[in-house]
């Protein structure tokens, strides 16, 4: 059984304004060996008085930023998964 780390930092983060897309890699074992499965978390940073908070809700003006950071994350994942490493 694999040990789960208490913190899994993002592999890559794309940010435009206050909107960001974080790419997380998760190692899994297959019959062919270890592979990385990637997922993306999209969020917006905002301040509530003195506290910094995050949400996954976007208004109309923020949607282009959310779409763009998702496009950047998609390109990154496509390149990472298309790369073949020869031993």
PDB file of N, CA and C in Angstrom:
ATOM      1  N   UNK A   1       0.840  -1.178   0.000  1.00  0.00           N
ATOM      2  CA  UNK A   1       0.000   0.000   0.000  1.00  0.00           C
ATOM      3  C   UNK A   1       0.886   1.243   0.000  1.00  0.00           C
ATOM      4  N   UNK A   2       0.554   2.201  -0.856  1.00  0.00           N
ATOM      5  CA  UNK A   2       1.352   3.426  -0.975  1.00  0.00           C
ATOM      6  C   UNK A   2       1.083   4.358   0.196  1.00  0.00           C
ATOM      7  N   UNK A   3       2.159   5.022   0.625  1.00  0.00           N
ATOM      8  CA  UNK A   3       2.018   6.015   1.685  1.00  0.00           C
ATOM      9  C   UNK A   3       1.512   7.308   1.072  1.00  0.00           C
ATOM     10  N   UNK A   4       0.590   7.969   1.746  1.00  0.00           N
ATOM     11  CA  UNK A   4       0.069   9.235   1.286  1.00  0.00           C
ATOM     12  C   UNK A   4       0.806  10.365   1.985  1.00  0.00           C
ATOM     13  N   UNK A   5       1.338  11.288   1.199  1.00  0.00           N
ATOM     14  CA  UNK A   5       2.029  12.432   1.768  1.00  0.00           C
ATOM     15  C   UNK A   5       0.997  13.389   2.359  1.00  0.00           C
ATOM     16  N   UNK A   6       1.385  14.071   3.440  1.00  0.00           N
ATOM     17  CA  UNK A   6       0.467  15.011   4.062  1.00  0.00           C
ATOM     18  C   UNK A   6       0.248  16.228   3.174  1.00  0.00           C
ATOM     19  N   UNK A   7       1.253  16.580   2.381  1.00  0.00           N
ATOM     20  CA  UNK A   7       1.127  17.711   1.461  1.00  0.00           C
ATOM     21  C   UNK A   7       1.572  17.266   0.085  1.00  0.00           C
ATOM     22  N   UNK A   8       0.784  17.630  -0.888  1.00  0.00           N
ATOM     23  CA  UNK A   8       1.123  17.346  -2.276  1.00  0.00           C
ATOM     24  C   UNK A   8       1.172  18.681  -3.010  1.00  0.00           C
ATOM     25  N   UNK A   9       2.350  19.305  -3.087  1.00  0.00           N
ATOM     26  CA  UNK A   9       2.412  20.615  -3.746  1.00  0.00           C
ATOM     27  C   UNK A   9       2.126  20.482  -5.235  1.00  0.00           C
ATOM     28  N   UNK A  10       1.653  21.558  -5.855  1.00  0.00           N
ATOM     29  CA  UNK A  10       1.397  21.490  -7.298  1.00  0.00           C
ATOM     30  C   UNK A  10       2.695  21.305  -8.076  1.00  0.00           C
ATOM     31  N   UNK A  11       2.561  20.611  -9.186  1.00  0.00           N
ATOM     32  CA  UNK A  11       3.674  20.393 -10.110  1.00  0.00           C
ATOM     33  C   UNK A  11       3.951  21.679 -10.899  1.00  0.00           C
ATOM     34  N   UNK A  12       2.879  22.402 -11.212  1.00  0.00           N
ATOM     35  CA  UNK A  12       2.977  23.629 -12.007  1.00  0.00           C
ATOM     36  C   UNK A  12       1.758  24.490 -11.715  1.00  0.00           C
ATOM     37  N   UNK A  13       1.952  25.813 -11.702  1.00  0.00           N
ATOM     38  CA  UNK A  13       0.837  26.748 -11.476  1.00  0.00           C
ATOM     39  C   UNK A  13       0.861  27.792 -12.583  1.00  0.00           C
ATOM     40  N   UNK A  14      -0.312  28.055 -13.157  1.00  0.00           N
ATOM     41  CA  UNK A  14      -0.484  29.114 -14.149  1.00  0.00           C
ATOM     42  C   UNK A  14      -1.411  30.148 -13.534  1.00  0.00           C
ATOM     43  N   UNK A  15      -1.004  31.436 -13.599  1.00  0.00           N
ATOM     44  CA  UNK A  15      -1.810  32.469 -12.962  1.00  0.00           C
ATOM     45  C   UNK A  15      -1.946  33.672 -13.885  1.00  0.00           C
ATOM     46  N   UNK A  16      -3.172  34.171 -13.985  1.00  0.00           N
ATOM     47  CA  UNK A  16      -3.470  35.423 -14.685  1.00  0.00           C
ATOM     48  C   UNK A  16      -4.338  36.234 -13.734  1.00  0.00           C
ATOM     49  N   UNK A  17      -3.838  37.372 -13.326  1.00  0.00           N
ATOM     50  CA  UNK A  17      -4.566  38.171 -12.346  1.00  0.00           C
ATOM     51  C   UNK A  17      -4.706  37.393 -11.051  1.00  0.00           C
ATOM     52  N   UNK A  18      -5.917  37.277 -10.572  1.00  0.00           N
ATOM     53  CA  UNK A  18      -6.170  36.545  -9.327  1.00  0.00           C
ATOM     54  C   UNK A  18      -6.666  35.124  -9.571  1.00  0.00           C
ATOM     55  N   UNK A  19      -6.711  34.702 -10.833  1.00  0.00           N
ATOM     56  CA  UNK A  19      -7.190  33.370 -11.202  1.00  0.00           C
ATOM     57  C   UNK A  19      -5.995  32.474 -11.478  1.00  0.00           C
ATOM     58  N   UNK A  20      -6.020  31.270 -10.916  1.00  0.00           N
ATOM     59  CA  UNK A  20      -4.908  30.340 -11.136  1.00  0.00           C
ATOM     60  C   UNK A  20      -5.408  28.930 -11.398  1.00  0.00           C
ATOM     61  N   UNK A  21      -4.594  28.183 -12.130  1.00  0.00           N
ATOM     62  CA  UNK A  21      -4.823  26.757 -12.371  1.00  0.00           C
ATOM     63  C   UNK A  21      -3.583  26.027 -11.877  1.00  0.00           C
ATOM     64  N   UNK A  22      -3.773  25.121 -10.936  1.00  0.00           N
ATOM     65  CA  UNK A  22      -2.678  24.340 -10.367  1.00  0.00           C
ATOM     66  C   UNK A  22      -2.761  22.915 -10.884  1.00  0.00           C
ATOM     67  N   UNK A  23      -1.639  22.415 -11.384  1.00  0.00           N
ATOM     68  CA  UNK A  23      -1.561  21.043 -11.903  1.00  0.00           C
ATOM     69  C   UNK A  23      -0.921  20.174 -10.828  1.00  0.00           C
ATOM     70  N   UNK A  24      -1.615  19.103 -10.467  1.00  0.00           N
ATOM     71  CA  UNK A  24      -1.121  18.167  -9.467  1.00  0.00           C
ATOM     72  C   UNK A  24      -0.848  16.821 -10.131  1.00  0.00           C
ATOM     73  N   UNK A  25       0.284  16.222  -9.789  1.00  0.00           N
ATOM     74  CA  UNK A  25       0.635  14.908 -10.296  1.00  0.00           C
ATOM     75  C   UNK A  25       0.464  13.856  -9.218  1.00  0.00           C
ATOM     76  N   UNK A  26      -0.121  12.737  -9.598  1.00  0.00           N
ATOM     77  CA  UNK A  26      -0.341  11.621  -8.674  1.00  0.00           C
ATOM     78  C   UNK A  26       0.259  10.365  -9.296  1.00  0.00           C
ATOM     79  N   UNK A  27       1.235   9.784  -8.618  1.00  0.00           N
ATOM     80  CA  UNK A  27       1.898   8.579  -9.119  1.00  0.00           C
ATOM     81  C   UNK A  27       1.031   7.360  -8.835  1.00  0.00           C
ATOM     82  N   UNK A  28       0.860   6.521  -9.858  1.00  0.00           N
ATOM     83  CA  UNK A  28       0.171   5.249  -9.666  1.00  0.00           C
ATOM     84  C   UNK A  28       1.009   4.146 -10.299  1.00  0.00           C
ATOM     85  N   UNK A  29       0.861   2.962  -9.778  1.00  0.00           N
ATOM     86  CA  UNK A  29       1.576   1.801 -10.297  1.00  0.00           C
ATOM     87  C   UNK A  29       0.676   1.031 -11.257  1.00  0.00           C
ATOM     88  N   UNK A  30       1.239   0.661 -12.407  1.00  0.00           N
ATOM     89  CA  UNK A  30       0.530  -0.158 -13.379  1.00  0.00           C
ATOM     90  C   UNK A  30       1.383  -1.386 -13.675  1.00  0.00           C
ATOM     91  N   UNK A  31       0.863  -2.283 -14.495  1.00  0.00           N
ATOM     92  CA  UNK A  31       1.628  -3.461 -14.896  1.00  0.00           C
ATOM     93  C   UNK A  31       2.880  -3.069 -15.686  1.00  0.00           C
ATOM     94  N   UNK A  32       2.827  -1.902 -16.345  1.00  0.00           N
ATOM     95  CA  UNK A  32       3.972  -1.424 -17.132  1.00  0.00           C
ATOM     96  C   UNK A  32       4.916  -0.555 -16.313  1.00  0.00           C
ATOM     97  N   UNK A  33       4.596  -0.282 -15.071  1.00  0.00           N
ATOM     98  CA  UNK A  33       5.434   0.560 -14.221  1.00  0.00           C
ATOM     99  C   UNK A  33       4.664   1.745 -13.672  1.00  0.00           C
ATOM    100  N   UNK A  34       5.402   2.672 -13.126  1.00  0.00           N
ATOM    101  CA  UNK A  34       4.808   3.851 -12.501  1.00  0.00           C
ATOM    102  C   UNK A  34       4.455   4.903 -13.560  1.00  0.00           C
ATOM    103  N   UNK A  35       3.260   5.485 -13.451  1.00  0.00           N
ATOM    104  CA  UNK A  35       2.866   6.587 -14.335  1.00  0.00           C
ATOM    105  C   UNK A  35       2.296   7.717 -13.485  1.00  0.00           C
ATOM    106  N   UNK A  36       2.316   8.910 -14.057  1.00  0.00           N
ATOM    107  CA  UNK A  36       1.769  10.076 -13.372  1.00  0.00           C
ATOM    108  C   UNK A  36       0.429  10.450 -13.978  1.00  0.00           C
ATOM    109  N   UNK A  37      -0.588  10.523 -13.135  1.00  0.00           N
ATOM    110  CA  UNK A  37      -1.907  11.001 -13.534  1.00  0.00           C
ATOM    111  C   UNK A  37      -2.010  12.434 -13.027  1.00  0.00           C
ATOM    112  N   UNK A  38      -2.395  13.348 -13.892  1.00  0.00           N
ATOM    113  CA  UNK A  38      -2.456  14.758 -13.509  1.00  0.00           C
ATOM    114  C   UNK A  38      -3.901  15.249 -13.408  1.00  0.00           C
ATOM    115  N   UNK A  39      -4.126  16.169 -12.465  1.00  0.00           N
ATOM    116  CA  UNK A  39      -5.424  16.815 -12.312  1.00  0.00           C
ATOM    117  C   UNK A  39      -5.202  18.314 -12.157  1.00  0.00           C
ATOM    118  N   UNK A  40      -6.249  19.091 -12.394  1.00  0.00           N
ATOM    119  CA  UNK A  40      -6.138  20.551 -12.370  1.00  0.00           C
ATOM    120  C   UNK A  40      -7.174  21.125 -11.412  1.00  0.00           C
ATOM    121  N   UNK A  41      -6.731  22.062 -10.600  1.00  0.00           N
ATOM    122  CA  UNK A  41      -7.610  22.795  -9.684  1.00  0.00           C
ATOM    123  C   UNK A  41      -7.595  24.254 -10.132  1.00  0.00           C
ATOM    124  N   UNK A  42      -8.784  24.824 -10.396  1.00  0.00           N
ATOM    125  CA  UNK A  42      -8.889  26.227 -10.805  1.00  0.00           C
ATOM    126  C   UNK A  42      -9.513  27.003  -9.655  1.00  0.00           C
ATOM    127  N   UNK A  43      -8.896  28.138  -9.324  1.00  0.00           N
ATOM    128  CA  UNK A  43      -9.413  28.926  -8.214  1.00  0.00           C
ATOM    129  C   UNK A  43      -9.102  30.401  -8.401  1.00  0.00           C
ATOM    130  N   UNK A  44      -9.814  31.211  -7.627  1.00  0.00           N
ATOM    131  CA  UNK A  44      -9.608  32.651  -7.620  1.00  0.00           C
ATOM    132  C   UNK A  44      -9.251  33.068  -6.206  1.00  0.00           C
ATOM    133  N   UNK A  45      -8.260  33.928  -6.097  1.00  0.00           N
ATOM    134  CA  UNK A  45      -7.838  34.455  -4.803  1.00  0.00           C
ATOM    135  C   UNK A  45      -8.540  35.789  -4.567  1.00  0.00           C
ATOM    136  N   UNK A  46      -8.980  36.006  -3.319  1.00  0.00           N
ATOM    137  CA  UNK A  46      -9.585  37.289  -2.975  1.00  0.00           C
ATOM    138  C   UNK A  46      -9.340  37.583  -1.503  1.00  0.00           C
ATOM    139  N   UNK A  47      -9.541  38.839  -1.121  1.00  0.00           N
ATOM    140  CA  UNK A  47      -9.362  39.232   0.277  1.00  0.00           C
ATOM    141  C   UNK A  47     -10.721  39.470   0.913  1.00  0.00           C
ATOM    142  N   UNK A  48     -10.873  38.954   2.119  1.00  0.00           N
ATOM    143  CA  UNK A  48     -12.048  39.190   2.946  1.00  0.00           C
ATOM    144  C   UNK A  48     -11.532  39.884   4.198  1.00  0.00           C
ATOM    145  N   UNK A  49     -11.621  41.215   4.181  1.00  0.00           N
ATOM    146  CA  UNK A  49     -10.982  42.057   5.196  1.00  0.00           C
ATOM    147  C   UNK A  49      -9.478  41.803   5.139  1.00  0.00           C
ATOM    148  N   UNK A  50      -8.875  41.248   6.182  1.00  0.00           N
ATOM    149  CA  UNK A  50      -7.427  40.993   6.160  1.00  0.00           C
ATOM    150  C   UNK A  50      -7.079  39.559   5.776  1.00  0.00           C
ATOM    151  N   UNK A  51      -8.078  38.714   5.602  1.00  0.00           N
ATOM    152  CA  UNK A  51      -7.840  37.301   5.294  1.00  0.00           C
ATOM    153  C   UNK A  51      -7.813  37.070   3.785  1.00  0.00           C
ATOM    154  N   UNK A  52      -6.847  36.268   3.333  1.00  0.00           N
ATOM    155  CA  UNK A  52      -6.801  35.837   1.939  1.00  0.00           C
ATOM    156  C   UNK A  52      -7.596  34.543   1.847  1.00  0.00           C
ATOM    157  N   UNK A  53      -8.528  34.505   0.891  1.00  0.00           N
ATOM    158  CA  UNK A  53      -9.373  33.323   0.708  1.00  0.00           C
ATOM    159  C   UNK A  53      -9.364  32.915  -0.759  1.00  0.00           C
ATOM    160  N   UNK A  54      -9.876  31.716  -1.011  1.00  0.00           N
ATOM    161  CA  UNK A  54      -9.926  31.171  -2.362  1.00  0.00           C
ATOM    162  C   UNK A  54     -11.323  30.651  -2.646  1.00  0.00           C
ATOM    163  N   UNK A  55     -11.748  30.775  -3.901  1.00  0.00           N
ATOM    164  CA  UNK A  55     -13.044  30.274  -4.318  1.00  0.00           C
ATOM    165  C   UNK A  55     -12.936  29.687  -5.719  1.00  0.00           C
ATOM    166  N   UNK A  56     -13.888  28.855  -6.071  1.00  0.00           N
ATOM    167  CA  UNK A  56     -13.942  28.308  -7.427  1.00  0.00           C
ATOM    168  C   UNK A  56     -15.097  28.931  -8.208  1.00  0.00           C
ATOM    169  N   UNK A  57     -15.609  30.069  -7.731  1.00  0.00           N
ATOM    170  CA  UNK A  57     -16.667  30.811  -8.429  1.00  0.00           C
ATOM    171  C   UNK A  57     -16.050  31.981  -9.179  1.00  0.00           C
ATOM    172  N   UNK A  58     -16.525  32.194 -10.401  1.00  0.00           N
ATOM    173  CA  UNK A  58     -15.986  33.251 -11.241  1.00  0.00           C
ATOM    174  C   UNK A  58     -17.123  34.088 -11.800  1.00  0.00           C
ATOM    175  N   UNK A  59     -16.917  35.417 -11.846  1.00  0.00           N
ATOM    176  CA  UNK A  59     -17.922  36.263 -12.473  1.00  0.00           C
ATOM    177  C   UNK A  59     -17.620  36.369 -13.966  1.00  0.00           C
ATOM    178  N   UNK A  60     -18.482  37.048 -14.699  1.00  0.00           N
ATOM    179  CA  UNK A  60     -18.345  37.132 -16.149  1.00  0.00           C
ATOM    180  C   UNK A  60     -16.997  37.700 -16.570  1.00  0.00           C
ATOM    181  N   UNK A  61     -16.514  38.712 -15.884  1.00  0.00           N
ATOM    182  CA  UNK A  61     -15.241  39.339 -16.240  1.00  0.00           C
ATOM    183  C   UNK A  61     -14.046  38.420 -15.995  1.00  0.00           C
ATOM    184  N   UNK A  62     -14.177  37.457 -15.075  1.00  0.00           N
ATOM    185  CA  UNK A  62     -13.064  36.543 -14.744  1.00  0.00           C
ATOM    186  C   UNK A  62     -13.047  35.283 -15.596  1.00  0.00           C
ATOM    187  N   UNK A  63     -14.138  35.011 -16.304  1.00  0.00           N
ATOM    188  CA  UNK A  63     -14.198  33.785 -17.108  1.00  0.00           C
ATOM    189  C   UNK A  63     -13.098  33.705 -18.169  1.00  0.00           C
ATOM    190  N   UNK A  64     -12.758  34.787 -18.886  1.00  0.00           N
ATOM    191  CA  UNK A  64     -11.646  34.671 -19.845  1.00  0.00           C
ATOM    192  C   UNK A  64     -10.325  34.284 -19.179  1.00  0.00           C
ATOM    193  N   UNK A  65     -10.074  34.779 -17.974  1.00  0.00           N
ATOM    194  CA  UNK A  65      -8.849  34.403 -17.262  1.00  0.00           C
ATOM    195  C   UNK A  65      -8.893  32.921 -16.877  1.00  0.00           C
ATOM    196  N   UNK A  66     -10.051  32.462 -16.411  1.00  0.00           N
ATOM    197  CA  UNK A  66     -10.188  31.047 -16.038  1.00  0.00           C
ATOM    198  C   UNK A  66      -9.996  30.146 -17.259  1.00  0.00           C
ATOM    199  N   UNK A  67     -10.583  30.527 -18.367  1.00  0.00           N
ATOM    200  CA  UNK A  67     -10.431  29.740 -19.596  1.00  0.00           C
ATOM    201  C   UNK A  67      -8.971  29.698 -20.021  1.00  0.00           C
ATOM    202  N   UNK A  68      -8.292  30.828 -19.959  1.00  0.00           N
ATOM    203  CA  UNK A  68      -6.897  30.882 -20.410  1.00  0.00           C
ATOM    204  C   UNK A  68      -5.968  30.061 -19.528  1.00  0.00           C
ATOM    205  N   UNK A  69      -6.126  30.152 -18.193  1.00  0.00           N
ATOM    206  CA  UNK A  69      -5.242  29.349 -17.331  1.00  0.00           C
ATOM    207  C   UNK A  69      -5.530  27.866 -17.527  1.00  0.00           C
ATOM    208  N   UNK A  70      -6.786  27.504 -17.821  1.00  0.00           N
ATOM    209  CA  UNK A  70      -7.100  26.102 -18.126  1.00  0.00           C
ATOM    210  C   UNK A  70      -6.443  25.676 -19.439  1.00  0.00           C
ATOM    211  N   UNK A  71      -6.423  26.557 -20.424  1.00  0.00           N
ATOM    212  CA  UNK A  71      -5.751  26.239 -21.689  1.00  0.00           C
ATOM    213  C   UNK A  71      -4.257  26.035 -21.475  1.00  0.00           C
ATOM    214  N   UNK A  72      -3.651  26.893 -20.660  1.00  0.00           N
ATOM    215  CA  UNK A  72      -2.225  26.748 -20.362  1.00  0.00           C
ATOM    216  C   UNK A  72      -1.952  25.436 -19.627  1.00  0.00           C
ATOM    217  N   UNK A  73      -2.806  25.083 -18.679  1.00  0.00           N
ATOM    218  CA  UNK A  73      -2.656  23.823 -17.943  1.00  0.00           C
ATOM    219  C   UNK A  73      -2.829  22.637 -18.887  1.00  0.00           C
ATOM    220  N   UNK A  74      -3.802  22.726 -19.787  1.00  0.00           N
ATOM    221  CA  UNK A  74      -4.024  21.646 -20.747  1.00  0.00           C
ATOM    222  C   UNK A  74      -2.794  21.442 -21.622  1.00  0.00           C
ATOM    223  N   UNK A  75      -2.219  22.522 -22.136  1.00  0.00           N
ATOM    224  CA  UNK A  75      -1.014  22.414 -22.965  1.00  0.00           C
ATOM    225  C   UNK A  75       0.142  21.794 -22.200  1.00  0.00           C
ATOM    226  N   UNK A  76       0.310  22.194 -20.952  1.00  0.00           N
ATOM    227  CA  UNK A  76       1.375  21.640 -20.115  1.00  0.00           C
ATOM    228  C   UNK A  76       1.191  20.132 -19.931  1.00  0.00           C
ATOM    229  N   UNK A  77      -0.033  19.720 -19.623  1.00  0.00           N
ATOM    230  CA  UNK A  77      -0.309  18.294 -19.398  1.00  0.00           C
ATOM    231  C   UNK A  77      -0.124  17.508 -20.688  1.00  0.00           C
ATOM    232  N   UNK A  78      -0.597  18.053 -21.801  1.00  0.00           N
ATOM    233  CA  UNK A  78      -0.417  17.360 -23.084  1.00  0.00           C
ATOM    234  C   UNK A  78       1.063  17.156 -23.401  1.00  0.00           C
ATOM    235  N   UNK A  79       1.881  18.200 -23.186  1.00  0.00           N
ATOM    236  CA  UNK A  79       3.322  18.066 -23.446  1.00  0.00           C
ATOM    237  C   UNK A  79       3.958  17.060 -22.487  1.00  0.00           C
ATOM    238  N   UNK A  80       3.586  17.116 -21.212  1.00  0.00           N
ATOM    239  CA  UNK A  80       4.172  16.211 -20.214  1.00  0.00           C
ATOM    240  C   UNK A  80       3.811  14.761 -20.503  1.00  0.00           C
ATOM    241  N   UNK A  81       2.579  14.530 -20.930  1.00  0.00           N
ATOM    242  CA  UNK A  81       2.148  13.143 -21.163  1.00  0.00           C
ATOM    243  C   UNK A  81       2.559  12.632 -22.534  1.00  0.00           C
ATOM    244  N   UNK A  82       2.895  13.533 -23.457  1.00  0.00           N
ATOM    245  CA  UNK A  82       3.349  13.110 -24.781  1.00  0.00           C
ATOM    246  C   UNK A  82       4.843  12.779 -24.776  1.00  0.00           C
ATOM    247  N   UNK A  83       5.571  13.306 -23.791  1.00  0.00           N
ATOM    248  CA  UNK A  83       7.019  13.089 -23.711  1.00  0.00           C
ATOM    249  C   UNK A  83       7.305  11.646 -23.344  1.00  0.00           C
ATOM    250  N   UNK A  84       8.175  11.045 -24.096  1.00  0.00           N
ATOM    251  CA  UNK A  84       8.579   9.658 -23.842  1.00  0.00           C
ATOM    252  C   UNK A  84      10.010   9.667 -23.295  1.00  0.00           C
ATOM    253  N   UNK A  85      10.177   9.084 -22.126  1.00  0.00           N
ATOM    254  CA  UNK A  85      11.511   9.011 -21.512  1.00  0.00           C
ATOM    255  C   UNK A  85      12.047   7.604 -21.719  1.00  0.00           C
ATOM    256  N   UNK A  86      13.173   7.517 -22.405  1.00  0.00           N
ATOM    257  CA  UNK A  86      13.792   6.214 -22.669  1.00  0.00           C
ATOM    258  C   UNK A  86      14.855   5.947 -21.606  1.00  0.00           C
ATOM    259  N   UNK A  87      14.806   4.787 -21.036  1.00  0.00           N
ATOM    260  CA  UNK A  87      15.798   4.412 -20.026  1.00  0.00           C
ATOM    261  C   UNK A  87      17.068   3.924 -20.643  1.00  0.00           C
TER     262      UNK A  87
END
